[in-house]
């Protein structure tokens, strides 16, 4: 029971990718534009 929350707390690449997916169009663009709000979120 004590170890269960520790195992759930680890960040995985699937989470990172899904949270930062809205940033990809900005990162592939020429730059200088506004960062999409969903990216910053």
ModelCIF file with pLDDT and N, C-alpha, C, O atoms, coordinates in Angstrom:
data_MODEL
#
_entry.id   MODEL 
#
_entity.id                         1 
_entity.type                       polymer 
_entity.pdbx_number_of_molecules   1 
#
_entity_poly.entity_id                      1 
_entity_poly.type                           'polypeptide(L)' 
_entity_poly.nstd_linkage                   no 
_entity_poly.nstd_monomer                   no 
_entity_poly.pdbx_seq_one_letter_code       
;(UNK)(UNK)(UNK)(UNK)(UNK)(UNK)(UNK)(UNK)(UNK)(UNK)(UNK)(UNK)(UNK)(UNK)(UNK)(UNK)
(UNK)(UNK)(UNK)(UNK)(UNK)(UNK)(UNK)(UNK)(UNK)(UNK)(UNK)(UNK)(UNK)(UNK)(UNK)(UNK)
(UNK)(UNK)(UNK)(UNK)(UNK)(UNK)(UNK)(UNK)(UNK)
;
_entity_poly.pdbx_seq_one_letter_code_can   XXXXXXXXXXXXXXXXXXXXXXXXXXXXXXXXXXXXXXXXX 
_entity_poly.pdbx_strand_id                 A 
#
loop_
_entity_poly_seq.entity_id 
_entity_poly_seq.num 
_entity_poly_seq.mon_id 
_entity_poly_seq.hetero 
1 1  UNK n 
1 2  UNK n 
1 3  UNK n 
1 4  UNK n 
1 5  UNK n 
1 6  UNK n 
1 7  UNK n 
1 8  UNK n 
1 9  UNK n 
1 10 UNK n 
1 11 UNK n 
1 12 UNK n 
1 13 UNK n 
1 14 UNK n 
1 15 UNK n 
1 16 UNK n 
1 17 UNK n 
1 18 UNK n 
1 19 UNK n 
1 20 UNK n 
1 21 UNK n 
1 22 UNK n 
1 23 UNK n 
1 24 UNK n 
1 25 UNK n 
1 26 UNK n 
1 27 UNK n 
1 28 UNK n 
1 29 UNK n 
1 30 UNK n 
1 31 UNK n 
1 32 UNK n 
1 33 UNK n 
1 34 UNK n 
1 35 UNK n 
1 36 UNK n 
1 37 UNK n 
1 38 UNK n 
1 39 UNK n 
1 40 UNK n 
1 41 UNK n 
#
_struct_asym.id          A 
_struct_asym.entity_id   1 
#
loop_
_ma_qa_metric.id 
_ma_qa_metric.mode 
_ma_qa_metric.name 
_ma_qa_metric.software_group_id 
_ma_qa_metric.type 
1 global pLDDT . pLDDT 
2 local  pLDDT . pLDDT 
#
_ma_qa_metric_global.metric_id      1 
_ma_qa_metric_global.metric_value   78.37 
_ma_qa_metric_global.model_id       1 
_ma_qa_metric_global.ordinal_id     1 
#
loop_
_ma_qa_metric_local.label_asym_id 
_ma_qa_metric_local.label_comp_id 
_ma_qa_metric_local.label_seq_id 
_ma_qa_metric_local.metric_id 
_ma_qa_metric_local.metric_value 
_ma_qa_metric_local.model_id 
_ma_qa_metric_local.ordinal_id 
A UNK 1  2 30.00 1 1  
A UNK 2  2 30.00 1 2  
A UNK 3  2 32.00 1 3  
A UNK 4  2 31.00 1 4  
A UNK 5  2 35.00 1 5  
A UNK 6  2 36.00 1 6  
A UNK 7  2 38.00 1 7  
A UNK 8  2 42.00 1 8  
A UNK 9  2 49.00 1 9  
A UNK 10 2 78.00 1 10 
A UNK 11 2 88.00 1 11 
A UNK 12 2 90.00 1 12 
A UNK 13 2 92.00 1 13 
A UNK 14 2 92.00 1 14 
A UNK 15 2 90.00 1 15 
A UNK 16 2 91.00 1 16 
A UNK 17 2 91.00 1 17 
A UNK 18 2 93.00 1 18 
A UNK 19 2 93.00 1 19 
A UNK 20 2 92.00 1 20 
A UNK 21 2 94.00 1 21 
A UNK 22 2 95.00 1 22 
A UNK 23 2 94.00 1 23 
A UNK 24 2 92.00 1 24 
A UNK 25 2 93.00 1 25 
A UNK 26 2 93.00 1 26 
A UNK 27 2 92.00 1 27 
A UNK 28 2 90.00 1 28 
A UNK 29 2 87.00 1 29 
A UNK 30 2 82.00 1 30 
A UNK 31 2 76.00 1 31 
A UNK 32 2 71.00 1 32 
A UNK 33 2 83.00 1 33 
A UNK 34 2 89.00 1 34 
A UNK 35 2 93.00 1 35 
A UNK 36 2 95.00 1 36 
A UNK 37 2 96.00 1 37 
A UNK 38 2 97.00 1 38 
A UNK 39 2 96.00 1 39 
A UNK 40 2 96.00 1 40 
A UNK 41 2 96.00 1 41 
#
loop_
_atom_site.group_PDB 
_atom_site.id 
_atom_site.type_symbol 
_atom_site.label_atom_id 
_atom_site.label_alt_id 
_atom_site.label_comp_id 
_atom_site.label_asym_id 
_atom_site.label_entity_id 
_atom_site.label_seq_id 
_atom_site.pdbx_PDB_ins_code 
_atom_site.Cartn_x 
_atom_site.Cartn_y 
_atom_site.Cartn_z 
_atom_site.occupancy 
_atom_site.B_iso_or_equiv 
_atom_site.pdbx_formal_charge 
_atom_site.auth_seq_id 
_atom_site.auth_comp_id 
_atom_site.auth_asym_id 
_atom_site.auth_atom_id 
_atom_site.pdbx_PDB_model_num 
ATOM 1   N N  . UNK A 1 1  ? 0.829  -1.201 0.000   1.00 30.00 ? 1  UNK A N  1 
ATOM 2   C CA . UNK A 1 1  ? 0.000  0.000  0.000   1.00 30.00 ? 1  UNK A CA 1 
ATOM 3   C C  . UNK A 1 1  ? 0.866  1.254  0.000   1.00 30.00 ? 1  UNK A C  1 
ATOM 4   O O  . UNK A 1 1  ? 0.576  2.209  -0.721  1.00 30.00 ? 1  UNK A O  1 
ATOM 5   N N  . UNK A 1 2  ? 1.918  1.258  0.798   1.00 30.00 ? 2  UNK A N  1 
ATOM 6   C CA . UNK A 1 2  ? 2.804  2.423  0.857   1.00 30.00 ? 2  UNK A CA 1 
ATOM 7   C C  . UNK A 1 2  ? 3.584  2.612  -0.438  1.00 30.00 ? 2  UNK A C  1 
ATOM 8   O O  . UNK A 1 2  ? 3.871  3.744  -0.827  1.00 30.00 ? 2  UNK A O  1 
ATOM 9   N N  . UNK A 1 3  ? 3.928  1.518  -1.106  1.00 32.00 ? 3  UNK A N  1 
ATOM 10  C CA . UNK A 1 3  ? 4.707  1.610  -2.334  1.00 32.00 ? 3  UNK A CA 1 
ATOM 11  C C  . UNK A 1 3  ? 3.878  1.963  -3.555  1.00 32.00 ? 3  UNK A C  1 
ATOM 12  O O  . UNK A 1 3  ? 4.430  2.429  -4.552  1.00 32.00 ? 3  UNK A O  1 
ATOM 13  N N  . UNK A 1 4  ? 2.586  1.758  -3.508  1.00 31.00 ? 4  UNK A N  1 
ATOM 14  C CA . UNK A 1 4  ? 1.742  1.988  -4.687  1.00 31.00 ? 4  UNK A CA 1 
ATOM 15  C C  . UNK A 1 4  ? 1.783  3.427  -5.181  1.00 31.00 ? 4  UNK A C  1 
ATOM 16  O O  . UNK A 1 4  ? 1.944  3.630  -6.385  1.00 31.00 ? 4  UNK A O  1 
ATOM 17  N N  . UNK A 1 5  ? 1.649  4.439  -4.325  1.00 35.00 ? 5  UNK A N  1 
ATOM 18  C CA . UNK A 1 5  ? 1.691  5.807  -4.841  1.00 35.00 ? 5  UNK A CA 1 
ATOM 19  C C  . UNK A 1 5  ? 3.037  6.158  -5.457  1.00 35.00 ? 5  UNK A C  1 
ATOM 20  O O  . UNK A 1 5  ? 3.093  6.947  -6.400  1.00 35.00 ? 5  UNK A O  1 
ATOM 21  N N  . UNK A 1 6  ? 4.111  5.594  -4.950  1.00 36.00 ? 6  UNK A N  1 
ATOM 22  C CA . UNK A 1 6  ? 5.426  5.886  -5.502  1.00 36.00 ? 6  UNK A CA 1 
ATOM 23  C C  . UNK A 1 6  ? 5.532  5.374  -6.936  1.00 36.00 ? 6  UNK A C  1 
ATOM 24  O O  . UNK A 1 6  ? 6.113  6.037  -7.795  1.00 36.00 ? 6  UNK A O  1 
ATOM 25  N N  . UNK A 1 7  ? 4.980  4.214  -7.186  1.00 38.00 ? 7  UNK A N  1 
ATOM 26  C CA . UNK A 1 7  ? 5.050  3.654  -8.532  1.00 38.00 ? 7  UNK A CA 1 
ATOM 27  C C  . UNK A 1 7  ? 4.211  4.470  -9.510  1.00 38.00 ? 7  UNK A C  1 
ATOM 28  O O  . UNK A 1 7  ? 4.551  4.564  -10.689 1.00 38.00 ? 7  UNK A O  1 
ATOM 29  N N  . UNK A 1 8  ? 3.116  5.062  -9.029  1.00 42.00 ? 8  UNK A N  1 
ATOM 30  C CA . UNK A 1 8  ? 2.247  5.828  -9.911  1.00 42.00 ? 8  UNK A CA 1 
ATOM 31  C C  . UNK A 1 8  ? 2.790  7.222  -10.203 1.00 42.00 ? 8  UNK A C  1 
ATOM 32  O O  . UNK A 1 8  ? 2.361  7.863  -11.162 1.00 42.00 ? 8  UNK A O  1 
ATOM 33  N N  . UNK A 1 9  ? 3.729  7.697  -9.385  1.00 49.00 ? 9  UNK A N  1 
ATOM 34  C CA . UNK A 1 9  ? 4.203  9.054  -9.518  1.00 49.00 ? 9  UNK A CA 1 
ATOM 35  C C  . UNK A 1 9  ? 5.207  9.274  -10.631 1.00 49.00 ? 9  UNK A C  1 
ATOM 36  O O  . UNK A 1 9  ? 5.479  10.421 -10.986 1.00 49.00 ? 9  UNK A O  1 
ATOM 37  N N  . UNK A 1 10 ? 5.763  8.217  -11.190 1.00 78.00 ? 10 UNK A N  1 
ATOM 38  C CA . UNK A 1 10 ? 6.804  8.365  -12.200 1.00 78.00 ? 10 UNK A CA 1 
ATOM 39  C C  . UNK A 1 10 ? 6.234  8.932  -13.495 1.00 78.00 ? 10 UNK A C  1 
ATOM 40  O O  . UNK A 1 10 ? 5.147  8.556  -13.933 1.00 78.00 ? 10 UNK A O  1 
ATOM 41  N N  . UNK A 1 11 ? 6.987  9.837  -14.091 1.00 88.00 ? 11 UNK A N  1 
ATOM 42  C CA . UNK A 1 11 ? 6.604  10.429 -15.367 1.00 88.00 ? 11 UNK A CA 1 
ATOM 43  C C  . UNK A 1 11 ? 7.089  9.522  -16.485 1.00 88.00 ? 11 UNK A C  1 
ATOM 44  O O  . UNK A 1 11 ? 8.217  9.028  -16.446 1.00 88.00 ? 11 UNK A O  1 
ATOM 45  N N  . UNK A 1 12 ? 6.238  9.301  -17.483 1.00 90.00 ? 12 UNK A N  1 
ATOM 46  C CA . UNK A 1 12 ? 6.658  8.482  -18.621 1.00 90.00 ? 12 UNK A CA 1 
ATOM 47  C C  . UNK A 1 12 ? 6.602  9.306  -19.902 1.00 90.00 ? 12 UNK A C  1 
ATOM 48  O O  . UNK A 1 12 ? 5.980  10.367 -19.956 1.00 90.00 ? 12 UNK A O  1 
ATOM 49  N N  . UNK A 1 13 ? 7.263  8.793  -20.919 1.00 92.00 ? 13 UNK A N  1 
ATOM 50  C CA . UNK A 1 13 ? 7.363  9.544  -22.176 1.00 92.00 ? 13 UNK A CA 1 
ATOM 51  C C  . UNK A 1 13 ? 6.016  9.752  -22.860 1.00 92.00 ? 13 UNK A C  1 
ATOM 52  O O  . UNK A 1 13 ? 5.826  10.744 -23.563 1.00 92.00 ? 13 UNK A O  1 
ATOM 53  N N  . UNK A 1 14 ? 5.099  8.842  -22.666 1.00 92.00 ? 14 UNK A N  1 
ATOM 54  C CA . UNK A 1 14 ? 3.763  9.024  -23.245 1.00 92.00 ? 14 UNK A CA 1 
ATOM 55  C C  . UNK A 1 14 ? 3.093  10.277 -22.704 1.00 92.00 ? 14 UNK A C  1 
ATOM 56  O O  . UNK A 1 14 ? 2.481  11.038 -23.454 1.00 92.00 ? 14 UNK A O  1 
ATOM 57  N N  . UNK A 1 15 ? 3.214  10.487 -21.386 1.00 90.00 ? 15 UNK A N  1 
ATOM 58  C CA . UNK A 1 15 ? 2.641  11.688 -20.775 1.00 90.00 ? 15 UNK A CA 1 
ATOM 59  C C  . UNK A 1 15 ? 3.337  12.943 -21.286 1.00 90.00 ? 15 UNK A C  1 
ATOM 60  O O  . UNK A 1 15 ? 2.683  13.930 -21.623 1.00 90.00 ? 15 UNK A O  1 
ATOM 61  N N  . UNK A 1 16 ? 4.663  12.900 -21.343 1.00 91.00 ? 16 UNK A N  1 
ATOM 62  C CA . UNK A 1 16 ? 5.434  14.061 -21.802 1.00 91.00 ? 16 UNK A CA 1 
ATOM 63  C C  . UNK A 1 16 ? 5.038  14.407 -23.234 1.00 91.00 ? 16 UNK A C  1 
ATOM 64  O O  . UNK A 1 16 ? 4.790  15.570 -23.553 1.00 91.00 ? 16 UNK A O  1 
ATOM 65  N N  . UNK A 1 17 ? 4.980  13.398 -24.087 1.00 91.00 ? 17 UNK A N  1 
ATOM 66  C CA . UNK A 1 17 ? 4.640  13.608 -25.493 1.00 91.00 ? 17 UNK A CA 1 
ATOM 67  C C  . UNK A 1 17 ? 3.240  14.182 -25.654 1.00 91.00 ? 17 UNK A C  1 
ATOM 68  O O  . UNK A 1 17 ? 3.031  15.112 -26.432 1.00 91.00 ? 17 UNK A O  1 
ATOM 69  N N  . UNK A 1 18 ? 2.281  13.628 -24.917 1.00 93.00 ? 18 UNK A N  1 
ATOM 70  C CA . UNK A 1 18 ? 0.904  14.116 -25.068 1.00 93.00 ? 18 UNK A CA 1 
ATOM 71  C C  . UNK A 1 18 ? 0.753  15.552 -24.559 1.00 93.00 ? 18 UNK A C  1 
ATOM 72  O O  . UNK A 1 18 ? 0.009  16.342 -25.142 1.00 93.00 ? 18 UNK A O  1 
ATOM 73  N N  . UNK A 1 19 ? 1.449  15.889 -23.486 1.00 93.00 ? 19 UNK A N  1 
ATOM 74  C CA . UNK A 1 19 ? 1.349  17.244 -22.945 1.00 93.00 ? 19 UNK A CA 1 
ATOM 75  C C  . UNK A 1 19 ? 2.030  18.270 -23.847 1.00 93.00 ? 19 UNK A C  1 
ATOM 76  O O  . UNK A 1 19 ? 1.601  19.421 -23.914 1.00 93.00 ? 19 UNK A O  1 
ATOM 77  N N  . UNK A 1 20 ? 3.092  17.855 -24.541 1.00 92.00 ? 20 UNK A N  1 
ATOM 78  C CA . UNK A 1 20 ? 3.856  18.798 -25.355 1.00 92.00 ? 20 UNK A CA 1 
ATOM 79  C C  . UNK A 1 20 ? 3.540  18.717 -26.847 1.00 92.00 ? 20 UNK A C  1 
ATOM 80  O O  . UNK A 1 20 ? 4.128  19.459 -27.634 1.00 92.00 ? 20 UNK A O  1 
ATOM 81  N N  . UNK A 1 21 ? 2.638  17.846 -27.250 1.00 94.00 ? 21 UNK A N  1 
ATOM 82  C CA . UNK A 1 21 ? 2.258  17.729 -28.663 1.00 94.00 ? 21 UNK A CA 1 
ATOM 83  C C  . UNK A 1 21 ? 1.791  19.062 -29.255 1.00 94.00 ? 21 UNK A C  1 
ATOM 84  O O  . UNK A 1 21 ? 2.110  19.342 -30.410 1.00 94.00 ? 21 UNK A O  1 
ATOM 85  N N  . UNK A 1 22 ? 1.051  19.894 -28.518 1.00 95.00 ? 22 UNK A N  1 
ATOM 86  C CA . UNK A 1 22 ? 0.631  21.181 -29.094 1.00 95.00 ? 22 UNK A CA 1 
ATOM 87  C C  . UNK A 1 22 ? 1.807  22.121 -29.410 1.00 95.00 ? 22 UNK A C  1 
ATOM 88  O O  . UNK A 1 22 ? 1.622  23.121 -30.104 1.00 95.00 ? 22 UNK A O  1 
ATOM 89  N N  . UNK A 1 23 ? 2.995  21.814 -28.915 1.00 94.00 ? 23 UNK A N  1 
ATOM 90  C CA . UNK A 1 23 ? 4.166  22.670 -29.151 1.00 94.00 ? 23 UNK A CA 1 
ATOM 91  C C  . UNK A 1 23 ? 4.846  22.374 -30.491 1.00 94.00 ? 23 UNK A C  1 
ATOM 92  O O  . UNK A 1 23 ? 5.591  23.212 -31.000 1.00 94.00 ? 23 UNK A O  1 
ATOM 93  N N  . UNK A 1 24 ? 4.601  21.210 -31.060 1.00 92.00 ? 24 UNK A N  1 
ATOM 94  C CA . UNK A 1 24 ? 5.350  20.770 -32.244 1.00 92.00 ? 24 UNK A CA 1 
ATOM 95  C C  . UNK A 1 24 ? 5.194  21.722 -33.429 1.00 92.00 ? 24 UNK A C  1 
ATOM 96  O O  . UNK A 1 24 ? 6.202  22.067 -34.045 1.00 92.00 ? 24 UNK A O  1 
ATOM 97  N N  . UNK A 1 25 ? 3.992  22.162 -33.781 1.00 93.00 ? 25 UNK A N  1 
ATOM 98  C CA . UNK A 1 25 ? 3.896  23.103 -34.914 1.00 93.00 ? 25 UNK A CA 1 
ATOM 99  C C  . UNK A 1 25 ? 4.725  24.380 -34.685 1.00 93.00 ? 25 UNK A C  1 
ATOM 100 O O  . UNK A 1 25 ? 5.357  24.888 -35.611 1.00 93.00 ? 25 UNK A O  1 
ATOM 101 N N  . UNK A 1 26 ? 4.715  24.885 -33.458 1.00 93.00 ? 26 UNK A N  1 
ATOM 102 C CA . UNK A 1 26 ? 5.509  26.076 -33.144 1.00 93.00 ? 26 UNK A CA 1 
ATOM 103 C C  . UNK A 1 26 ? 7.006  25.780 -33.318 1.00 93.00 ? 26 UNK A C  1 
ATOM 104 O O  . UNK A 1 26 ? 7.744  26.587 -33.883 1.00 93.00 ? 26 UNK A O  1 
ATOM 105 N N  . UNK A 1 27 ? 7.439  24.620 -32.828 1.00 92.00 ? 27 UNK A N  1 
ATOM 106 C CA . UNK A 1 27 ? 8.858  24.266 -32.884 1.00 92.00 ? 27 UNK A CA 1 
ATOM 107 C C  . UNK A 1 27 ? 9.341  23.960 -34.298 1.00 92.00 ? 27 UNK A C  1 
ATOM 108 O O  . UNK A 1 27 ? 10.541 24.008 -34.572 1.00 92.00 ? 27 UNK A O  1 
ATOM 109 N N  . UNK A 1 28 ? 8.418  23.649 -35.186 1.00 90.00 ? 28 UNK A N  1 
ATOM 110 C CA . UNK A 1 28 ? 8.786  23.391 -36.585 1.00 90.00 ? 28 UNK A CA 1 
ATOM 111 C C  . UNK A 1 28 ? 8.652  24.636 -37.449 1.00 90.00 ? 28 UNK A C  1 
ATOM 112 O O  . UNK A 1 28 ? 9.047  24.630 -38.615 1.00 90.00 ? 28 UNK A O  1 
ATOM 113 N N  . UNK A 1 29 ? 8.104  25.693 -36.890 1.00 87.00 ? 29 UNK A N  1 
ATOM 114 C CA . UNK A 1 29 ? 7.891  26.927 -37.646 1.00 87.00 ? 29 UNK A CA 1 
ATOM 115 C C  . UNK A 1 29 ? 9.127  27.800 -37.674 1.00 87.00 ? 29 UNK A C  1 
ATOM 116 O O  . UNK A 1 29 ? 10.177 27.434 -37.147 1.00 87.00 ? 29 UNK A O  1 
ATOM 117 N N  . UNK A 1 30 ? 8.989  28.967 -38.300 1.00 82.00 ? 30 UNK A N  1 
ATOM 118 C CA . UNK A 1 30 ? 10.130 29.873 -38.445 1.00 82.00 ? 30 UNK A CA 1 
ATOM 119 C C  . UNK A 1 30 ? 10.492 30.600 -37.151 1.00 82.00 ? 30 UNK A C  1 
ATOM 120 O O  . UNK A 1 30 ? 11.568 31.193 -37.064 1.00 82.00 ? 30 UNK A O  1 
ATOM 121 N N  . UNK A 1 31 ? 9.617  30.566 -36.147 1.00 76.00 ? 31 UNK A N  1 
ATOM 122 C CA . UNK A 1 31 ? 9.890  31.260 -34.892 1.00 76.00 ? 31 UNK A CA 1 
ATOM 123 C C  . UNK A 1 31 ? 9.377  32.678 -34.941 1.00 76.00 ? 31 UNK A C  1 
ATOM 124 O O  . UNK A 1 31 ? 8.957  33.167 -35.990 1.00 76.00 ? 31 UNK A O  1 
ATOM 125 N N  . UNK A 1 32 ? 9.414  33.325 -33.814 1.00 71.00 ? 32 UNK A N  1 
ATOM 126 C CA . UNK A 1 32 ? 8.971  34.700 -33.750 1.00 71.00 ? 32 UNK A CA 1 
ATOM 127 C C  . UNK A 1 32 ? 7.486  34.853 -33.494 1.00 71.00 ? 32 UNK A C  1 
ATOM 128 O O  . UNK A 1 32 ? 7.038  35.923 -33.082 1.00 71.00 ? 32 UNK A O  1 
ATOM 129 N N  . UNK A 1 33 ? 6.714  33.806 -33.729 1.00 83.00 ? 33 UNK A N  1 
ATOM 130 C CA . UNK A 1 33 ? 5.277  33.886 -33.486 1.00 83.00 ? 33 UNK A CA 1 
ATOM 131 C C  . UNK A 1 33 ? 4.948  33.601 -32.039 1.00 83.00 ? 33 UNK A C  1 
ATOM 132 O O  . UNK A 1 33 ? 5.818  33.290 -31.225 1.00 83.00 ? 33 UNK A O  1 
ATOM 133 N N  . UNK A 1 34 ? 3.684  33.714 -31.747 1.00 89.00 ? 34 UNK A N  1 
ATOM 134 C CA . UNK A 1 34 ? 3.218  33.441 -30.389 1.00 89.00 ? 34 UNK A CA 1 
ATOM 135 C C  . UNK A 1 34 ? 3.210  31.937 -30.125 1.00 89.00 ? 34 UNK A C  1 
ATOM 136 O O  . UNK A 1 34 ? 2.887  31.140 -31.006 1.00 89.00 ? 34 UNK A O  1 
ATOM 137 N N  . UNK A 1 35 ? 3.569  31.569 -28.905 1.00 93.00 ? 35 UNK A N  1 
ATOM 138 C CA . UNK A 1 35 ? 3.515  30.167 -28.494 1.00 93.00 ? 35 UNK A CA 1 
ATOM 139 C C  . UNK A 1 35 ? 2.046  29.817 -28.268 1.00 93.00 ? 35 UNK A C  1 
ATOM 140 O O  . UNK A 1 35 ? 1.345  30.555 -27.575 1.00 93.00 ? 35 UNK A O  1 
ATOM 141 N N  . UNK A 1 36 ? 1.562  28.707 -28.836 1.00 95.00 ? 36 UNK A N  1 
ATOM 142 C CA . UNK A 1 36 ? 0.160  28.326 -28.629 1.00 95.00 ? 36 UNK A CA 1 
ATOM 143 C C  . UNK A 1 36 ? -0.157 28.151 -27.138 1.00 95.00 ? 36 UNK A C  1 
ATOM 144 O O  . UNK A 1 36 ? 0.632  27.552 -26.406 1.00 95.00 ? 36 UNK A O  1 
ATOM 145 N N  . UNK A 1 37 ? -1.295 28.664 -26.689 1.00 96.00 ? 37 UNK A N  1 
ATOM 146 C CA . UNK A 1 37 ? -1.675 28.521 -25.269 1.00 96.00 ? 37 UNK A CA 1 
ATOM 147 C C  . UNK A 1 37 ? -1.681 27.061 -24.795 1.00 96.00 ? 37 UNK A C  1 
ATOM 148 O O  . UNK A 1 37 ? -1.291 26.779 -23.662 1.00 96.00 ? 37 UNK A O  1 
ATOM 149 N N  . UNK A 1 38 ? -2.119 26.138 -25.652 1.00 97.00 ? 38 UNK A N  1 
ATOM 150 C CA . UNK A 1 38 ? -2.145 24.725 -25.257 1.00 97.00 ? 38 UNK A CA 1 
ATOM 151 C C  . UNK A 1 38 ? -0.737 24.188 -25.021 1.00 97.00 ? 38 UNK A C  1 
ATOM 152 O O  . UNK A 1 38 ? -0.541 23.299 -24.193 1.00 97.00 ? 38 UNK A O  1 
ATOM 153 N N  . UNK A 1 39 ? 0.237  24.724 -25.743 1.00 96.00 ? 39 UNK A N  1 
ATOM 154 C CA . UNK A 1 39 ? 1.631  24.344 -25.557 1.00 96.00 ? 39 UNK A CA 1 
ATOM 155 C C  . UNK A 1 39 ? 2.104  24.787 -24.175 1.00 96.00 ? 39 UNK A C  1 
ATOM 156 O O  . UNK A 1 39 ? 2.664  23.991 -23.421 1.00 96.00 ? 39 UNK A O  1 
ATOM 157 N N  . UNK A 1 40 ? 1.882  26.047 -23.848 1.00 96.00 ? 40 UNK A N  1 
ATOM 158 C CA . UNK A 1 40 ? 2.289  26.562 -22.533 1.00 96.00 ? 40 UNK A CA 1 
ATOM 159 C C  . UNK A 1 40 ? 1.561  25.842 -21.402 1.00 96.00 ? 40 UNK A C  1 
ATOM 160 O O  . UNK A 1 40 ? 2.141  25.588 -20.346 1.00 96.00 ? 40 UNK A O  1 
ATOM 161 N N  . UNK A 1 41 ? 0.312  25.521 -21.623 1.00 96.00 ? 41 UNK A N  1 
ATOM 162 C CA . UNK A 1 41 ? -0.446 24.782 -20.614 1.00 96.00 ? 41 UNK A CA 1 
ATOM 163 C C  . UNK A 1 41 ? 0.201  23.425 -20.351 1.00 96.00 ? 41 UNK A C  1 
ATOM 164 O O  . UNK A 1 41 ? -0.293 22.654 -19.529 1.00 96.00 ? 41 UNK A O  1 
#
